[in-house]
Amino acid sequence: MTHIDLYFFDGCPSWQQAWRDLGTVLAETGSEATVRVRDVMSLPDEGRRGFAGSPTIHVDGVDLEGYDGEGVLACRRYQENEGRGWPSLDLLRARLAEAAARA
């Protein structure tokens, strides 16, 4: 089963669009996944590693775009989605398909 973590903080409202889009992709693909929505402000500093800004989505512990650095408390922009503050449906589909292939 795939494990997904959606990390956010309230200062960046784009996480809500990411949440909706993630639900859309999970429903259309029928993927079996556990999903946790996590406010990074409630995590200890070491729990923010790999947080590339709000929203950040990890699929099986891996950031959608491969970020693995120190936590960044800023609003995230996804270049692959024309600089919007959430990942594209295509990126979500691709990462979920990769996770399913590994399983």
N, C-alpha and C. Protein backbone atom coordinates (compact mmCIF):
# COMPACT_ATOMS: atom_id res chain seq x y z
N MET A 1 0.84 -1.18 0.00
CA MET A 1 0.00 0.00 0.00
C MET A 1 0.89 1.24 0.00
N THR A 2 0.49 2.22 -0.75
CA THR A 2 1.22 3.48 -0.85
C THR A 2 0.92 4.36 0.35
N HIS A 3 1.96 5.05 0.82
CA HIS A 3 1.82 5.98 1.95
C HIS A 3 2.09 7.39 1.44
N ILE A 4 1.14 8.27 1.67
CA ILE A 4 1.25 9.65 1.19
C ILE A 4 1.15 10.59 2.38
N ASP A 5 2.06 11.55 2.42
CA ASP A 5 2.02 12.61 3.42
C ASP A 5 1.91 13.94 2.68
N LEU A 6 0.90 14.72 3.04
CA LEU A 6 0.76 16.07 2.52
C LEU A 6 1.11 17.01 3.66
N TYR A 7 2.23 17.72 3.51
CA TYR A 7 2.72 18.66 4.52
C TYR A 7 2.33 20.08 4.12
N PHE A 8 1.93 20.88 5.10
CA PHE A 8 1.52 22.25 4.82
C PHE A 8 1.71 23.11 6.06
N PHE A 9 1.52 24.40 5.89
CA PHE A 9 1.26 25.29 7.01
C PHE A 9 0.23 26.32 6.56
N ASP A 10 -0.51 26.83 7.52
CA ASP A 10 -1.67 27.66 7.21
C ASP A 10 -1.37 28.92 6.42
N GLY A 11 -0.16 29.43 6.45
CA GLY A 11 0.16 30.66 5.74
C GLY A 11 0.09 30.55 4.23
N CYS A 12 0.03 29.33 3.71
CA CYS A 12 -0.02 29.11 2.27
C CYS A 12 -1.26 28.28 1.93
N PRO A 13 -2.29 28.92 1.40
CA PRO A 13 -3.55 28.23 1.16
C PRO A 13 -3.55 27.25 -0.02
N SER A 14 -2.48 27.19 -0.79
CA SER A 14 -2.45 26.28 -1.95
C SER A 14 -2.54 24.82 -1.57
N TRP A 15 -2.25 24.50 -0.30
CA TRP A 15 -2.31 23.10 0.11
C TRP A 15 -3.72 22.54 -0.07
N GLN A 16 -4.73 23.39 0.03
CA GLN A 16 -6.11 22.91 -0.13
C GLN A 16 -6.37 22.43 -1.55
N GLN A 17 -5.81 23.13 -2.55
CA GLN A 17 -5.95 22.68 -3.94
C GLN A 17 -5.18 21.37 -4.14
N ALA A 18 -4.00 21.28 -3.54
CA ALA A 18 -3.22 20.04 -3.63
C ALA A 18 -4.00 18.88 -3.02
N TRP A 19 -4.66 19.11 -1.91
CA TRP A 19 -5.46 18.09 -1.23
C TRP A 19 -6.60 17.63 -2.14
N ARG A 20 -7.31 18.58 -2.75
CA ARG A 20 -8.42 18.23 -3.64
C ARG A 20 -7.91 17.44 -4.84
N ASP A 21 -6.81 17.90 -5.44
CA ASP A 21 -6.27 17.23 -6.62
C ASP A 21 -5.76 15.83 -6.27
N LEU A 22 -5.15 15.68 -5.12
CA LEU A 22 -4.69 14.36 -4.69
C LEU A 22 -5.89 13.43 -4.56
N GLY A 23 -6.97 13.89 -3.96
CA GLY A 23 -8.19 13.08 -3.85
C GLY A 23 -8.74 12.70 -5.21
N THR A 24 -8.72 13.63 -6.15
CA THR A 24 -9.19 13.36 -7.51
C THR A 24 -8.38 12.25 -8.15
N VAL A 25 -7.06 12.34 -8.06
CA VAL A 25 -6.18 11.35 -8.68
C VAL A 25 -6.33 9.99 -8.00
N LEU A 26 -6.42 9.97 -6.69
CA LEU A 26 -6.61 8.70 -5.99
C LEU A 26 -7.92 8.05 -6.40
N ALA A 27 -8.98 8.84 -6.54
CA ALA A 27 -10.28 8.30 -6.93
C ALA A 27 -10.26 7.78 -8.37
N GLU A 28 -9.65 8.53 -9.27
CA GLU A 28 -9.67 8.11 -10.68
C GLU A 28 -8.77 6.90 -10.94
N THR A 29 -7.72 6.74 -10.15
CA THR A 29 -6.81 5.61 -10.36
C THR A 29 -7.17 4.40 -9.50
N GLY A 30 -8.01 4.62 -8.50
CA GLY A 30 -8.36 3.53 -7.60
C GLY A 30 -7.19 3.07 -6.75
N SER A 31 -6.21 3.93 -6.58
CA SER A 31 -5.02 3.60 -5.79
C SER A 31 -5.38 3.37 -4.33
N GLU A 32 -4.80 2.33 -3.76
CA GLU A 32 -4.94 2.10 -2.33
C GLU A 32 -3.80 2.82 -1.65
N ALA A 33 -4.15 3.76 -0.79
CA ALA A 33 -3.12 4.56 -0.13
C ALA A 33 -3.61 5.01 1.24
N THR A 34 -2.67 5.16 2.13
CA THR A 34 -2.96 5.85 3.38
C THR A 34 -2.46 7.28 3.18
N VAL A 35 -3.26 8.23 3.61
CA VAL A 35 -2.92 9.63 3.43
C VAL A 35 -2.95 10.34 4.77
N ARG A 36 -1.87 11.05 5.07
CA ARG A 36 -1.82 11.86 6.28
C ARG A 36 -1.64 13.31 5.86
N VAL A 37 -2.42 14.18 6.44
CA VAL A 37 -2.27 15.62 6.25
C VAL A 37 -1.60 16.15 7.50
N ARG A 38 -0.43 16.78 7.31
CA ARG A 38 0.40 17.14 8.46
C ARG A 38 0.78 18.62 8.45
N ASP A 39 0.45 19.32 9.51
CA ASP A 39 0.85 20.71 9.67
C ASP A 39 2.29 20.72 10.16
N VAL A 40 3.21 21.23 9.36
CA VAL A 40 4.63 21.19 9.74
C VAL A 40 4.93 22.02 10.98
N MET A 41 4.07 22.96 11.30
CA MET A 41 4.32 23.77 12.48
C MET A 41 4.14 22.96 13.76
N SER A 42 3.49 21.81 13.66
CA SER A 42 3.32 20.94 14.83
C SER A 42 4.41 19.88 14.91
N LEU A 43 5.33 19.87 13.96
CA LEU A 43 6.41 18.88 13.95
C LEU A 43 7.69 19.45 14.54
N PRO A 44 8.52 18.61 15.15
CA PRO A 44 9.83 19.09 15.59
C PRO A 44 10.69 19.44 14.37
N ASP A 45 11.73 20.22 14.58
CA ASP A 45 12.58 20.65 13.46
C ASP A 45 13.04 19.49 12.59
N GLU A 46 13.44 18.37 13.22
CA GLU A 46 13.93 17.23 12.43
C GLU A 46 12.80 16.61 11.61
N GLY A 47 11.55 16.79 11.99
CA GLY A 47 10.42 16.29 11.23
C GLY A 47 10.12 17.10 9.99
N ARG A 48 10.80 18.24 9.85
CA ARG A 48 10.59 19.11 8.68
C ARG A 48 11.57 18.85 7.55
N ARG A 49 12.50 17.93 7.76
CA ARG A 49 13.47 17.60 6.70
C ARG A 49 12.70 17.13 5.47
N GLY A 50 13.09 17.63 4.32
CA GLY A 50 12.42 17.25 3.08
C GLY A 50 11.18 18.08 2.79
N PHE A 51 10.86 19.03 3.68
CA PHE A 51 9.72 19.91 3.44
C PHE A 51 10.21 21.07 2.58
N ALA A 52 9.77 21.09 1.33
CA ALA A 52 10.25 22.07 0.36
C ALA A 52 9.31 23.26 0.24
N GLY A 53 8.51 23.50 1.25
CA GLY A 53 7.54 24.58 1.21
C GLY A 53 6.13 24.01 1.16
N SER A 54 5.18 24.87 1.45
CA SER A 54 3.78 24.43 1.53
C SER A 54 3.06 24.63 0.21
N PRO A 55 2.48 23.57 -0.32
CA PRO A 55 2.39 22.20 0.18
C PRO A 55 3.51 21.33 -0.38
N THR A 56 3.91 20.36 0.41
CA THR A 56 4.86 19.33 -0.01
C THR A 56 4.16 17.99 0.12
N ILE A 57 4.27 17.16 -0.92
CA ILE A 57 3.68 15.83 -0.89
C ILE A 57 4.79 14.80 -1.04
N HIS A 58 4.80 13.85 -0.11
CA HIS A 58 5.73 12.72 -0.19
C HIS A 58 4.92 11.46 -0.50
N VAL A 59 5.38 10.70 -1.46
CA VAL A 59 4.79 9.41 -1.79
C VAL A 59 5.82 8.36 -1.39
N ASP A 60 5.44 7.53 -0.43
CA ASP A 60 6.35 6.53 0.14
C ASP A 60 7.66 7.17 0.58
N GLY A 61 7.54 8.34 1.21
CA GLY A 61 8.69 9.02 1.78
C GLY A 61 9.51 9.86 0.83
N VAL A 62 9.10 9.93 -0.44
CA VAL A 62 9.87 10.66 -1.45
C VAL A 62 9.07 11.87 -1.95
N ASP A 63 9.72 13.02 -1.95
CA ASP A 63 9.09 14.24 -2.44
C ASP A 63 8.74 14.08 -3.92
N LEU A 64 7.63 14.67 -4.34
CA LEU A 64 7.19 14.57 -5.74
C LEU A 64 8.27 15.00 -6.73
N GLU A 65 9.03 16.03 -6.37
CA GLU A 65 10.08 16.53 -7.26
C GLU A 65 11.48 16.12 -6.81
N GLY A 66 11.55 15.23 -5.81
CA GLY A 66 12.83 14.71 -5.38
C GLY A 66 13.58 15.55 -4.36
N TYR A 67 12.97 16.59 -3.81
CA TYR A 67 13.65 17.43 -2.82
C TYR A 67 13.95 16.63 -1.56
N ASP A 68 15.18 16.78 -1.05
CA ASP A 68 15.58 16.07 0.16
C ASP A 68 16.49 16.92 1.03
N GLY A 69 16.22 18.22 1.08
CA GLY A 69 17.06 19.12 1.87
C GLY A 69 16.42 19.51 3.17
N GLU A 70 16.94 20.56 3.75
CA GLU A 70 16.40 21.11 4.99
C GLU A 70 15.01 21.68 4.75
N GLY A 71 14.23 21.77 5.81
CA GLY A 71 12.89 22.32 5.71
C GLY A 71 12.90 23.79 5.30
N VAL A 72 11.96 24.14 4.45
CA VAL A 72 11.84 25.51 3.94
C VAL A 72 10.46 26.03 4.33
N LEU A 73 10.41 27.01 5.22
CA LEU A 73 9.12 27.55 5.63
C LEU A 73 8.74 28.70 4.70
N ALA A 74 8.20 28.32 3.55
CA ALA A 74 7.78 29.27 2.53
C ALA A 74 6.66 28.61 1.72
N CYS A 75 6.01 29.41 0.93
CA CYS A 75 5.02 28.84 0.01
C CYS A 75 5.76 28.24 -1.17
N ARG A 76 5.39 27.04 -1.53
CA ARG A 76 6.07 26.32 -2.60
C ARG A 76 5.48 26.67 -3.95
N ARG A 77 6.31 26.64 -4.98
CA ARG A 77 5.88 26.80 -6.36
C ARG A 77 6.36 25.58 -7.13
N TYR A 78 5.47 25.00 -7.90
CA TYR A 78 5.79 23.83 -8.71
C TYR A 78 6.04 24.28 -10.14
N GLN A 79 7.31 24.28 -10.53
CA GLN A 79 7.67 24.74 -11.87
C GLN A 79 7.01 23.91 -12.95
N GLU A 80 6.84 22.62 -12.70
CA GLU A 80 6.21 21.75 -13.69
C GLU A 80 4.73 22.07 -13.88
N ASN A 81 4.17 22.86 -12.97
CA ASN A 81 2.77 23.27 -13.08
C ASN A 81 2.69 24.78 -13.29
N GLU A 82 3.58 25.29 -14.13
CA GLU A 82 3.61 26.70 -14.53
C GLU A 82 3.75 27.64 -13.33
N GLY A 83 4.47 27.19 -12.30
CA GLY A 83 4.74 28.01 -11.13
C GLY A 83 3.59 28.13 -10.16
N ARG A 84 2.56 27.33 -10.36
CA ARG A 84 1.44 27.36 -9.41
C ARG A 84 1.90 26.80 -8.06
N GLY A 85 1.08 27.01 -7.04
CA GLY A 85 1.43 26.59 -5.68
C GLY A 85 1.04 25.18 -5.35
N TRP A 86 0.75 24.36 -6.34
CA TRP A 86 0.39 22.96 -6.12
C TRP A 86 0.86 22.16 -7.32
N PRO A 87 1.09 20.85 -7.14
CA PRO A 87 1.56 20.01 -8.25
C PRO A 87 0.44 19.76 -9.25
N SER A 88 0.84 19.49 -10.47
CA SER A 88 -0.14 19.19 -11.51
C SER A 88 -0.75 17.80 -11.30
N LEU A 89 -1.90 17.61 -11.88
CA LEU A 89 -2.53 16.28 -11.86
C LEU A 89 -1.62 15.25 -12.51
N ASP A 90 -0.94 15.64 -13.59
CA ASP A 90 -0.04 14.71 -14.28
C ASP A 90 1.10 14.25 -13.39
N LEU A 91 1.68 15.18 -12.61
CA LEU A 91 2.77 14.79 -11.71
C LEU A 91 2.25 13.86 -10.62
N LEU A 92 1.09 14.15 -10.07
CA LEU A 92 0.50 13.26 -9.06
C LEU A 92 0.24 11.88 -9.65
N ARG A 93 -0.33 11.83 -10.85
CA ARG A 93 -0.59 10.53 -11.49
C ARG A 93 0.70 9.75 -11.71
N ALA A 94 1.73 10.44 -12.19
CA ALA A 94 3.00 9.77 -12.48
C ALA A 94 3.62 9.20 -11.22
N ARG A 95 3.64 9.96 -10.13
CA ARG A 95 4.27 9.47 -8.90
C ARG A 95 3.47 8.34 -8.27
N LEU A 96 2.16 8.37 -8.36
CA LEU A 96 1.35 7.27 -7.84
C LEU A 96 1.52 6.02 -8.68
N ALA A 97 1.65 6.18 -10.00
CA ALA A 97 1.90 5.04 -10.87
C ALA A 97 3.25 4.42 -10.57
N GLU A 98 4.27 5.24 -10.33
CA GLU A 98 5.60 4.73 -9.98
C GLU A 98 5.54 3.96 -8.66
N ALA A 99 4.81 4.49 -7.70
CA ALA A 99 4.68 3.80 -6.40
C ALA A 99 3.97 2.45 -6.57
N ALA A 100 2.94 2.42 -7.39
CA ALA A 100 2.21 1.18 -7.64
C ALA A 100 3.11 0.15 -8.32
N ALA A 101 3.98 0.61 -9.22
CA ALA A 101 4.88 -0.31 -9.92
C ALA A 101 5.92 -0.90 -8.98
N ARG A 102 6.32 -0.12 -7.97
CA ARG A 102 7.30 -0.62 -6.99
C ARG A 102 6.69 -1.62 -6.04
N ALA A 103 5.38 -1.53 -5.83
CA ALA A 103 4.72 -2.39 -4.83
C ALA A 103 4.54 -3.81 -5.29
